[in-house]
Amino acid sequence: MNNSFLNNKHKIVIVGDKVLVKPSTQNEKTNSGLYLPPGVQEKEKVQSGYVIKSGPGYPIGANVEDEPWKENKEPVKYISLQVHEGDLAIFLRKDSYEIEYEEEKLLIIPHSAILMIIRDDFQDNI
């Protein structure tokens, strides 16, 4: 990852239940030594990548009073996502959207497309 991306990632705001992922580099060769074209790798059903940023989560509906014309001054509340920055996420490739930001290939995926996460500091969260 280039340094300008790391310096500017604070500018990125992820919306709702979406997650920004830097895809892991995949093997360019099979176990027998054959080189795979890029199209083969992109057709894989499951892919992995590191979470760069995640959205605030799923919005919770506001309390509805008997008088719906009153303005609700409470800030929007969210149910937070399970993923954290730095997690290795295993996700469904077909649900991802590829973008390029500052010459970096990134993926935006919905939280529901994540099958599993691998976290280094898992013991701290138990």
Protein backbone atom coordinates (compact mmCIF):
# COMPACT_ATOMS: atom_id res chain seq x y z
CA MET A 1 0.00 0.00 0.00
CA ASN A 2 1.40 3.38 -0.86
CA ASN A 3 1.96 5.99 1.84
CA SER A 4 -0.25 8.67 0.29
CA PHE A 5 -3.23 6.33 0.60
CA LEU A 6 -2.48 5.69 4.28
CA ASN A 7 -2.16 9.42 4.88
CA ASN A 8 -5.46 10.22 3.15
CA LYS A 9 -7.70 7.39 4.35
CA HIS A 10 -9.12 9.69 7.04
CA LYS A 11 -10.89 11.52 4.18
CA ILE A 12 -12.93 8.41 3.34
CA VAL A 13 -16.35 8.05 4.97
CA ILE A 14 -18.03 4.68 4.55
CA VAL A 15 -21.82 4.73 4.62
CA GLY A 16 -24.16 2.40 6.52
CA ASP A 17 -23.27 -1.29 6.66
CA LYS A 18 -20.55 -1.14 4.01
CA VAL A 19 -16.91 -2.14 4.52
CA LEU A 20 -13.85 -0.91 2.59
CA VAL A 21 -11.40 -3.75 1.95
CA LYS A 22 -7.91 -3.94 0.46
CA PRO A 23 -7.92 -7.31 -1.36
CA SER A 24 -5.18 -9.75 -0.46
CA THR A 25 -2.71 -10.60 -3.17
CA GLN A 26 -3.66 -13.92 -4.62
CA ASN A 27 -1.43 -16.62 -5.99
CA GLU A 28 -0.55 -16.08 -9.61
CA LYS A 29 0.43 -19.73 -9.99
CA THR A 30 -1.22 -23.05 -9.33
CA ASN A 31 0.47 -25.62 -7.07
CA SER A 32 1.85 -27.31 -10.19
CA GLY A 33 3.49 -24.06 -11.40
CA LEU A 34 1.04 -22.90 -14.09
CA TYR A 35 0.50 -19.13 -14.27
CA LEU A 36 -3.11 -18.02 -13.98
CA PRO A 37 -4.50 -15.13 -16.03
CA PRO A 38 -6.03 -12.26 -14.02
CA GLY A 39 -9.57 -13.18 -15.16
CA VAL A 40 -9.39 -16.56 -13.42
CA GLN A 41 -8.56 -14.99 -10.08
CA GLU A 42 -11.43 -12.51 -10.37
CA LYS A 43 -13.94 -15.32 -10.95
CA GLU A 44 -13.28 -16.93 -7.57
CA LYS A 45 -16.45 -17.04 -5.46
CA VAL A 46 -14.72 -16.30 -2.15
CA GLN A 47 -11.96 -13.78 -1.60
CA SER A 48 -10.07 -12.32 1.34
CA GLY A 49 -8.84 -8.86 2.16
CA TYR A 50 -7.96 -6.52 5.00
CA VAL A 51 -10.54 -4.11 6.37
CA ILE A 52 -9.45 -0.52 5.86
CA LYS A 53 -12.60 1.20 7.17
CA SER A 54 -16.16 0.28 8.00
CA GLY A 55 -19.40 2.21 8.12
CA PRO A 56 -21.28 3.04 11.32
CA GLY A 57 -23.60 0.04 10.99
CA TYR A 58 -27.32 -0.52 10.68
CA PRO A 59 -29.49 2.52 11.59
CA ILE A 60 -32.04 2.04 14.37
CA GLY A 61 -35.43 3.67 13.93
CA ALA A 62 -36.22 6.68 16.07
CA ASN A 63 -38.72 6.51 18.92
CA VAL A 64 -42.14 7.34 17.53
CA GLU A 65 -44.29 9.35 19.88
CA ASP A 66 -48.01 9.91 19.76
CA GLU A 67 -47.37 13.22 18.04
CA PRO A 68 -45.48 12.44 14.80
CA TRP A 69 -45.26 16.09 13.75
CA LYS A 70 -42.81 16.86 16.54
CA GLU A 71 -39.22 16.99 15.42
CA ASN A 72 -36.97 14.28 16.75
CA LYS A 73 -33.77 15.91 18.00
CA GLU A 74 -32.04 12.65 18.91
CA PRO A 75 -29.03 11.77 16.74
CA VAL A 76 -29.34 8.67 14.59
CA LYS A 77 -28.25 5.54 16.44
CA TYR A 78 -26.61 2.53 14.82
CA ILE A 79 -26.09 -1.14 15.56
CA SER A 80 -22.33 -1.43 15.06
CA LEU A 81 -20.66 -3.90 12.71
CA GLN A 82 -18.55 -6.87 13.83
CA VAL A 83 -15.54 -6.00 11.68
CA HIS A 84 -12.76 -3.68 12.80
CA GLU A 85 -9.93 -1.98 10.97
CA GLY A 86 -7.13 -4.47 10.32
CA ASP A 87 -9.32 -7.61 10.35
CA LEU A 88 -8.82 -10.15 7.59
CA ALA A 89 -12.27 -10.61 6.04
CA ILE A 90 -13.32 -13.63 3.96
CA PHE A 91 -16.21 -12.50 1.75
CA LEU A 92 -18.31 -13.30 -1.32
CA ARG A 93 -16.63 -11.76 -4.36
CA LYS A 94 -19.89 -11.40 -6.34
CA ASP A 95 -21.25 -8.89 -3.81
CA SER A 96 -18.23 -6.59 -3.95
CA TYR A 97 -17.80 -3.35 -5.88
CA GLU A 98 -14.31 -2.57 -7.12
CA ILE A 99 -13.06 1.00 -6.94
CA GLU A 100 -9.71 2.68 -7.40
CA TYR A 101 -8.64 5.36 -4.95
CA GLU A 102 -5.24 7.04 -5.27
CA GLU A 103 -3.99 4.23 -7.52
CA GLU A 104 -5.03 1.52 -5.02
CA LYS A 105 -7.48 -1.22 -5.95
CA LEU A 106 -10.11 -1.43 -3.19
CA LEU A 107 -13.40 -3.22 -2.71
CA ILE A 108 -16.59 -2.01 -1.07
CA ILE A 109 -18.67 -4.86 0.29
CA PRO A 110 -21.83 -5.05 2.37
CA HIS A 111 -21.39 -6.44 5.86
CA SER A 112 -23.80 -9.28 4.98
CA ALA A 113 -21.34 -10.58 2.32
CA ILE A 114 -18.64 -11.25 4.94
CA LEU A 115 -18.48 -14.94 5.79
CA MET A 116 -15.72 -14.87 8.38
CA ILE A 117 -13.15 -12.55 9.94
CA ILE A 118 -9.71 -13.34 11.30
CA ARG A 119 -8.54 -11.02 14.04
CA ASP A 120 -5.06 -11.10 15.56
CA ASP A 121 -6.14 -9.76 18.95
CA PHE A 122 -9.14 -12.08 19.33
CA GLN A 123 -8.26 -12.99 22.93
CA ASP A 124 -8.66 -9.34 23.94
CA ASN A 125 -12.30 -9.37 22.81
CA ILE A 126 -13.49 -12.50 24.66
